[in-house]
């Protein structure tokens, strides 16, 4: 039993903290949430990276 690993939800938490650049659903969700256009969200992601906090800050939420 020495090699058994503990499963965590870390991967899911990391996924929620990111805006997936190529994922249309994620872009639409963030656009609706912040009241901005999808193209504005894409530009913010390119400018600040895919961190959800940074993107929302950039979009003025």
Foldseek 3Di string as FASTA:
>chain_A
DVPDDDDDCVVVVVVVQFQDLPDPVSLVVLCVVLVHDSVLLNVQCVVPNGGSVSSSVVSPD
